[in-house]
Structure formats: C-alpha cells, structure tokens
Amino acid sequence: MENELKQLESLGLVLPTPAYLLGAILFGIAGYVAWRRGRKMNNPMLKWTGLALMLYPYAVAQTWLLFVFGIALCFWVYWNW
C-alpha cells in the first residue's frame, strides 16, 4: 500500500488533506443553498454565485486558496441574499 502511494506521488497525484475535504463539503453545501435560493427567488446573481461555490473546489488545488475563494464567495452570497 505504501509503495503504491509513493508511485502515485511520483506521478504528481496526492490525496487531499482533511481540511481541504471539509472545506469542499462545507462550501459545496453553502453553494447548493445559495443556488436553490437564487433559483426560487429568481435572482441570477445569487444562483450563479451558488453554482460557482459548488464547482470551484474542482479547479483549486491548494487548501489555503480553497478557503480564501470560499470565504470571499460566501461574503458575496451574504451581500446578495
């Protein structure tokens, strides 16, 4: 098992940290709530920001960037709520 993990790491594939996984789940849930609210209230800004919150963890690899963008998008959702 350890040898397989080292082979994957040599290819550039690493497992995400628990903090990254927790952040991705929390921001995904917040994005889903914002998307549903934006769709229900016919607010396109809120709907698209919620979609961005749900999808951006797939494009960000570093944990600190995940939290910086996630918190910024959550403030934007709060401002437009």
N, C-alpha and C. Protein backbone atom coordinates (compact mmCIF):
# COMPACT_ATOMS: atom_id res chain seq x y z
N MET A 1 0.82 -1.20 0.00
CA MET A 1 0.00 0.00 0.00
C MET A 1 0.87 1.25 0.00
N GLU A 2 1.88 1.27 0.86
CA GLU A 2 2.75 2.44 0.94
C GLU A 2 3.51 2.65 -0.35
N ASN A 3 3.92 1.55 -0.98
CA ASN A 3 4.65 1.64 -2.24
C ASN A 3 3.75 2.22 -3.35
N GLU A 4 2.48 1.83 -3.33
CA GLU A 4 1.55 2.35 -4.33
C GLU A 4 1.33 3.85 -4.15
N LEU A 5 1.24 4.32 -2.90
CA LEU A 5 1.09 5.74 -2.64
C LEU A 5 2.31 6.53 -3.10
N LYS A 6 3.49 5.96 -2.90
CA LYS A 6 4.71 6.63 -3.37
C LYS A 6 4.75 6.70 -4.89
N GLN A 7 4.27 5.67 -5.55
CA GLN A 7 4.22 5.69 -7.02
C GLN A 7 3.26 6.76 -7.51
N LEU A 8 2.10 6.89 -6.86
CA LEU A 8 1.15 7.92 -7.24
C LEU A 8 1.70 9.31 -6.97
N GLU A 9 2.40 9.48 -5.86
CA GLU A 9 3.00 10.77 -5.55
C GLU A 9 4.08 11.12 -6.56
N SER A 10 4.82 10.14 -7.05
CA SER A 10 5.84 10.42 -8.05
C SER A 10 5.21 10.86 -9.37
N LEU A 11 3.97 10.48 -9.61
CA LEU A 11 3.24 10.92 -10.81
C LEU A 11 2.57 12.28 -10.60
N GLY A 12 2.65 12.82 -9.39
CA GLY A 12 2.05 14.11 -9.10
C GLY A 12 0.65 14.02 -8.52
N LEU A 13 0.18 12.83 -8.21
CA LEU A 13 -1.15 12.66 -7.64
C LEU A 13 -1.02 12.50 -6.12
N VAL A 14 -1.65 13.41 -5.39
CA VAL A 14 -1.62 13.34 -3.93
C VAL A 14 -3.05 13.41 -3.41
N LEU A 15 -3.27 12.80 -2.28
CA LEU A 15 -4.59 12.83 -1.66
C LEU A 15 -4.81 14.18 -1.00
N PRO A 16 -6.03 14.69 -1.03
CA PRO A 16 -6.30 15.97 -0.37
C PRO A 16 -6.26 15.82 1.16
N THR A 17 -5.98 16.93 1.82
CA THR A 17 -5.93 16.93 3.27
C THR A 17 -7.35 16.90 3.83
N PRO A 18 -7.50 16.50 5.08
CA PRO A 18 -8.84 16.54 5.69
C PRO A 18 -9.43 17.95 5.72
N ALA A 19 -8.59 18.97 5.89
CA ALA A 19 -9.09 20.35 5.89
C ALA A 19 -9.65 20.71 4.52
N TYR A 20 -8.98 20.27 3.46
CA TYR A 20 -9.47 20.54 2.12
C TYR A 20 -10.82 19.84 1.88
N LEU A 21 -10.92 18.59 2.29
CA LEU A 21 -12.17 17.86 2.11
C LEU A 21 -13.31 18.51 2.89
N LEU A 22 -13.05 18.91 4.12
CA LEU A 22 -14.07 19.58 4.93
C LEU A 22 -14.50 20.90 4.29
N GLY A 23 -13.53 21.68 3.84
CA GLY A 23 -13.85 22.94 3.18
C GLY A 23 -14.65 22.74 1.91
N ALA A 24 -14.28 21.76 1.10
CA ALA A 24 -15.01 21.50 -0.14
C ALA A 24 -16.45 21.09 0.14
N ILE A 25 -16.65 20.29 1.17
CA ILE A 25 -18.01 19.87 1.53
C ILE A 25 -18.82 21.06 2.05
N LEU A 26 -18.24 21.84 2.95
CA LEU A 26 -18.96 22.98 3.52
C LEU A 26 -19.31 24.02 2.46
N PHE A 27 -18.35 24.36 1.60
CA PHE A 27 -18.62 25.36 0.57
C PHE A 27 -19.56 24.80 -0.49
N GLY A 28 -19.53 23.51 -0.72
CA GLY A 28 -20.48 22.90 -1.64
C GLY A 28 -21.91 22.97 -1.11
N ILE A 29 -22.06 22.73 0.18
CA ILE A 29 -23.40 22.83 0.79
C ILE A 29 -23.89 24.28 0.76
N ALA A 30 -23.00 25.21 1.10
CA ALA A 30 -23.38 26.63 1.06
C ALA A 30 -23.75 27.05 -0.36
N GLY A 31 -23.02 26.54 -1.35
CA GLY A 31 -23.33 26.84 -2.74
C GLY A 31 -24.67 26.27 -3.17
N TYR A 32 -24.97 25.08 -2.71
CA TYR A 32 -26.25 24.47 -3.05
C TYR A 32 -27.41 25.27 -2.47
N VAL A 33 -27.25 25.71 -1.21
CA VAL A 33 -28.29 26.52 -0.57
C VAL A 33 -28.47 27.83 -1.32
N ALA A 34 -27.36 28.48 -1.68
CA ALA A 34 -27.45 29.74 -2.41
C ALA A 34 -28.07 29.54 -3.79
N TRP A 35 -27.69 28.47 -4.47
CA TRP A 35 -28.24 28.19 -5.80
C TRP A 35 -29.75 27.96 -5.73
N ARG A 36 -30.19 27.18 -4.75
CA ARG A 36 -31.63 26.93 -4.59
C ARG A 36 -32.38 28.22 -4.28
N ARG A 37 -31.81 29.04 -3.39
CA ARG A 37 -32.46 30.30 -3.02
C ARG A 37 -32.51 31.25 -4.23
N GLY A 38 -31.42 31.32 -4.99
CA GLY A 38 -31.39 32.17 -6.17
C GLY A 38 -32.37 31.73 -7.24
N ARG A 39 -32.52 30.43 -7.39
CA ARG A 39 -33.47 29.91 -8.37
C ARG A 39 -34.90 30.17 -7.93
N LYS A 40 -35.16 29.99 -6.63
CA LYS A 40 -36.50 30.20 -6.10
C LYS A 40 -36.91 31.66 -6.16
N MET A 41 -35.98 32.55 -5.83
CA MET A 41 -36.28 33.98 -5.80
C MET A 41 -36.03 34.67 -7.14
N ASN A 42 -35.66 33.90 -8.17
CA ASN A 42 -35.37 34.43 -9.49
C ASN A 42 -34.28 35.52 -9.42
N ASN A 43 -33.21 35.22 -8.70
CA ASN A 43 -32.07 36.11 -8.54
C ASN A 43 -30.87 35.47 -9.23
N PRO A 44 -30.57 35.88 -10.47
CA PRO A 44 -29.49 35.22 -11.21
C PRO A 44 -28.11 35.39 -10.56
N MET A 45 -27.85 36.52 -9.91
CA MET A 45 -26.56 36.73 -9.26
C MET A 45 -26.34 35.70 -8.15
N LEU A 46 -27.35 35.47 -7.36
CA LEU A 46 -27.27 34.50 -6.27
C LEU A 46 -27.18 33.08 -6.81
N LYS A 47 -27.92 32.81 -7.85
CA LYS A 47 -27.92 31.47 -8.45
C LYS A 47 -26.54 31.13 -9.03
N TRP A 48 -25.93 32.05 -9.77
CA TRP A 48 -24.64 31.76 -10.38
C TRP A 48 -23.51 31.76 -9.37
N THR A 49 -23.62 32.56 -8.33
CA THR A 49 -22.61 32.53 -7.28
C THR A 49 -22.68 31.21 -6.52
N GLY A 50 -23.90 30.71 -6.29
CA GLY A 50 -24.05 29.41 -5.67
C GLY A 50 -23.45 28.30 -6.51
N LEU A 51 -23.65 28.39 -7.82
CA LEU A 51 -23.06 27.39 -8.72
C LEU A 51 -21.53 27.47 -8.68
N ALA A 52 -21.00 28.68 -8.62
CA ALA A 52 -19.55 28.85 -8.51
C ALA A 52 -19.02 28.25 -7.21
N LEU A 53 -19.76 28.44 -6.12
CA LEU A 53 -19.35 27.86 -4.84
C LEU A 53 -19.34 26.33 -4.89
N MET A 54 -20.27 25.76 -5.63
CA MET A 54 -20.32 24.30 -5.72
C MET A 54 -19.20 23.74 -6.59
N LEU A 55 -18.78 24.47 -7.61
CA LEU A 55 -17.86 23.91 -8.59
C LEU A 55 -16.40 24.32 -8.45
N TYR A 56 -16.12 25.45 -7.80
CA TYR A 56 -14.73 25.91 -7.78
C TYR A 56 -13.77 24.97 -7.04
N PRO A 57 -14.18 24.15 -6.07
CA PRO A 57 -13.19 23.26 -5.45
C PRO A 57 -12.54 22.28 -6.45
N TYR A 58 -13.20 22.02 -7.56
CA TYR A 58 -12.60 21.14 -8.57
C TYR A 58 -11.45 21.82 -9.31
N ALA A 59 -11.38 23.15 -9.27
CA ALA A 59 -10.35 23.88 -10.00
C ALA A 59 -9.22 24.38 -9.11
N VAL A 60 -9.38 24.28 -7.80
CA VAL A 60 -8.38 24.80 -6.86
C VAL A 60 -7.71 23.63 -6.16
N ALA A 61 -6.37 23.64 -6.16
CA ALA A 61 -5.65 22.51 -5.58
C ALA A 61 -5.13 22.78 -4.17
N GLN A 62 -4.82 24.03 -3.85
CA GLN A 62 -4.27 24.34 -2.54
C GLN A 62 -5.40 24.62 -1.54
N THR A 63 -5.18 24.16 -0.31
CA THR A 63 -6.18 24.33 0.74
C THR A 63 -6.41 25.79 1.08
N TRP A 64 -5.34 26.56 1.15
CA TRP A 64 -5.49 27.97 1.52
C TRP A 64 -6.28 28.73 0.46
N LEU A 65 -6.08 28.40 -0.82
CA LEU A 65 -6.86 29.04 -1.88
C LEU A 65 -8.32 28.63 -1.82
N LEU A 66 -8.57 27.39 -1.46
CA LEU A 66 -9.94 26.93 -1.31
C LEU A 66 -10.68 27.78 -0.29
N PHE A 67 -10.05 28.03 0.85
CA PHE A 67 -10.71 28.80 1.89
C PHE A 67 -10.78 30.29 1.55
N VAL A 68 -9.77 30.84 0.90
CA VAL A 68 -9.81 32.26 0.53
C VAL A 68 -10.96 32.51 -0.44
N PHE A 69 -11.03 31.73 -1.52
CA PHE A 69 -12.10 31.91 -2.50
C PHE A 69 -13.46 31.56 -1.91
N GLY A 70 -13.51 30.52 -1.10
CA GLY A 70 -14.78 30.11 -0.49
C GLY A 70 -15.35 31.17 0.43
N ILE A 71 -14.50 31.75 1.27
CA ILE A 71 -14.96 32.80 2.18
C ILE A 71 -15.38 34.03 1.38
N ALA A 72 -14.62 34.38 0.36
CA ALA A 72 -14.98 35.54 -0.47
C ALA A 72 -16.33 35.32 -1.16
N LEU A 73 -16.53 34.15 -1.71
CA LEU A 73 -17.81 33.86 -2.37
C LEU A 73 -18.96 33.81 -1.37
N CYS A 74 -18.70 33.32 -0.17
CA CYS A 74 -19.75 33.29 0.86
C CYS A 74 -20.14 34.70 1.28
N PHE A 75 -19.16 35.61 1.38
CA PHE A 75 -19.49 37.00 1.68
C PHE A 75 -20.31 37.62 0.55
N TRP A 76 -19.97 37.27 -0.70
CA TRP A 76 -20.72 37.77 -1.84
C TRP A 76 -22.17 37.25 -1.79
N VAL A 77 -22.34 36.00 -1.44
CA VAL A 77 -23.70 35.43 -1.30
C VAL A 77 -24.44 36.15 -0.19
N TYR A 78 -23.80 36.37 0.94
CA TYR A 78 -24.43 37.06 2.06
C TYR A 78 -24.85 38.47 1.65
N TRP A 79 -23.99 39.15 0.90
CA TRP A 79 -24.26 40.52 0.46
C TRP A 79 -25.47 40.56 -0.48
N ASN A 80 -25.63 39.53 -1.31
CA ASN A 80 -26.71 39.49 -2.30
C ASN A 80 -27.95 38.75 -1.80
N TRP A 81 -27.93 38.24 -0.61
CA TRP A 81 -29.06 37.45 -0.09
C TRP A 81 -30.24 38.36 0.07
